[in-house]
Each structure stands twice: as structure tokens, then as C-alpha cells.
Amino acid sequence: MPVKHKAANRGQPTRSGILLRYRDKDSAYGVTRRTATKLAATLGLSETQVVHVALANLARQTLPRYETDGGPLNAKHRAEIRRLQPPGRMKVKERLF
């Protein structure tokens, strides 16, 4: 069994992360450290926050979003869905996420 080193994480929960390698020159698919530093200074953020802002903007531009259709399903809707679906094929959910 591997030995866990508590001093390394100082009691903090382990977090998943990514390694960000800056590009040698700016392009449509990456930026240099110098550009990230300029963005951080201009926006008054840390470089990590700049990366999060960029990813959040990309997610809003790229990922599909769905309009609300009137809220959660009521009991009548759930019963109708269950009636129309073969048993065991689908589960009725209140929310997608």
C-alpha cells in the first residue's frame, strides 16, 4: 500500500487540476506568458483567474444552452412519460443537472 504524505497537501482535500503550458507565440489556440500577464494586469486579476474567465467565456460561446420550459415536471407529466415509455428503459428526472 502506498504511503500518503500528509505534509504535501497539509490536510487540504485533493483537487484535480491541469498543467497549463504557455505557447512560444500567440495564436488562435494559445497565448504566451507575457500576454497572460498583460491580461491579468489589465483586468486586475491573477493569471489563474484570467484562465477561468477565458474558459467560462468559451463555454458560454460553444456549449449548447436550453431555454427553460416552465420549470420542473409535475406528477401528471411524470405519469404520462412513464405510461409512454417501455418499462426499465428510462428514468424520469426532475432536473437534468
Protein backbone atom coordinates (compact mmCIF):
# COMPACT_ATOMS: atom_id res chain seq x y z
CA MET A 1 0.00 0.00 0.00
CA PRO A 2 1.46 3.40 -0.96
CA VAL A 3 2.37 5.81 1.80
CA LYS A 4 0.36 9.02 1.84
CA HIS A 5 2.34 12.16 2.59
CA LYS A 6 0.11 14.43 4.66
CA ALA A 7 2.65 17.24 4.69
CA ALA A 8 2.32 17.64 0.92
CA ASN A 9 -1.35 18.63 0.99
CA ARG A 10 -1.42 19.94 4.57
CA GLY A 11 -4.83 18.43 5.29
CA GLN A 12 -6.38 20.06 2.22
CA PRO A 13 -8.67 17.97 0.05
CA THR A 14 -7.01 16.75 -3.12
CA ARG A 15 -8.10 18.83 -6.10
CA SER A 16 -7.86 17.89 -9.71
CA GLY A 17 -6.10 20.39 -11.91
CA ILE A 18 -4.46 20.91 -15.24
CA LEU A 19 -0.98 21.82 -16.28
CA LEU A 20 -1.01 24.94 -18.43
CA ARG A 21 1.86 25.32 -20.84
CA TYR A 22 2.10 28.73 -22.41
CA ARG A 23 2.83 28.97 -26.13
CA ASP A 24 6.02 30.34 -27.64
CA LYS A 25 3.93 32.83 -29.62
CA ASP A 26 0.32 33.99 -29.54
CA SER A 27 -2.14 32.26 -31.85
CA ALA A 28 -5.85 31.47 -32.10
CA TYR A 29 -5.23 28.42 -29.89
CA GLY A 30 -2.92 29.73 -27.20
CA VAL A 31 -1.07 32.68 -25.71
CA THR A 32 2.36 33.45 -24.34
CA ARG A 33 3.02 34.04 -20.67
CA ARG A 34 3.61 37.70 -21.49
CA THR A 35 0.09 38.03 -22.95
CA ALA A 36 -1.46 36.27 -19.95
CA THR A 37 0.42 38.60 -17.61
CA LYS A 38 -0.77 41.66 -19.57
CA LEU A 39 -4.36 40.40 -19.44
CA ALA A 40 -4.13 39.81 -15.71
CA ALA A 41 -2.75 43.30 -15.10
CA THR A 42 -5.34 44.94 -17.36
CA LEU A 43 -8.27 43.10 -15.76
CA GLY A 44 -6.91 43.29 -12.21
CA LEU A 45 -6.98 39.50 -11.90
CA SER A 46 -4.46 36.74 -11.28
CA GLU A 47 -3.29 34.65 -14.22
CA THR A 48 -5.34 31.74 -12.86
CA GLN A 49 -8.46 33.92 -12.81
CA VAL A 50 -7.73 35.02 -16.40
CA VAL A 51 -7.68 31.35 -17.47
CA HIS A 52 -11.00 30.73 -15.68
CA VAL A 53 -12.60 33.80 -17.32
CA ALA A 54 -11.38 32.66 -20.74
CA LEU A 55 -12.75 29.14 -20.22
CA ALA A 56 -16.08 30.48 -18.92
CA ASN A 57 -16.42 32.73 -21.99
CA LEU A 58 -15.55 29.84 -24.31
CA ALA A 59 -18.13 27.63 -22.59
CA ARG A 60 -20.85 30.27 -23.00
CA GLN A 61 -19.98 30.67 -26.69
CA THR A 62 -19.59 26.99 -27.51
CA LEU A 63 -21.75 24.76 -25.33
CA PRO A 64 -25.49 24.47 -26.02
CA ARG A 65 -27.85 26.11 -23.58
CA TYR A 66 -31.50 25.34 -23.33
CA GLU A 67 -34.34 27.67 -22.51
CA THR A 68 -36.47 26.81 -19.52
CA ASP A 69 -39.74 25.17 -20.48
CA GLY A 70 -41.77 26.13 -17.48
CA GLY A 71 -40.00 24.52 -14.57
CA PRO A 72 -39.91 21.02 -13.11
CA LEU A 73 -42.20 18.25 -14.25
CA ASN A 74 -45.37 17.82 -12.28
CA ALA A 75 -46.88 14.49 -11.25
CA LYS A 76 -49.20 14.41 -14.29
CA HIS A 77 -46.26 14.86 -16.70
CA ARG A 78 -44.19 12.16 -14.97
CA ALA A 79 -47.10 9.71 -15.09
CA GLU A 80 -47.62 10.37 -18.80
CA ILE A 81 -43.92 9.83 -19.55
CA ARG A 82 -43.91 6.56 -17.60
CA ARG A 83 -47.03 5.42 -19.48
CA LEU A 84 -45.45 6.10 -22.88
CA GLN A 85 -42.05 4.51 -22.22
CA PRO A 86 -41.30 0.77 -22.11
CA PRO A 87 -40.59 -0.41 -18.54
CA GLY A 88 -36.97 -0.06 -17.42
CA ARG A 89 -35.94 1.93 -20.47
CA MET A 90 -35.87 5.43 -19.00
CA LYS A 91 -35.97 7.11 -15.63
CA VAL A 92 -37.97 10.27 -15.11
CA LYS A 93 -35.83 13.05 -13.65
CA GLU A 94 -36.88 16.31 -12.07
CA ARG A 95 -33.78 18.11 -13.38
CA LEU A 96 -31.08 17.37 -15.93
CA PHE A 97 -28.23 18.59 -13.73
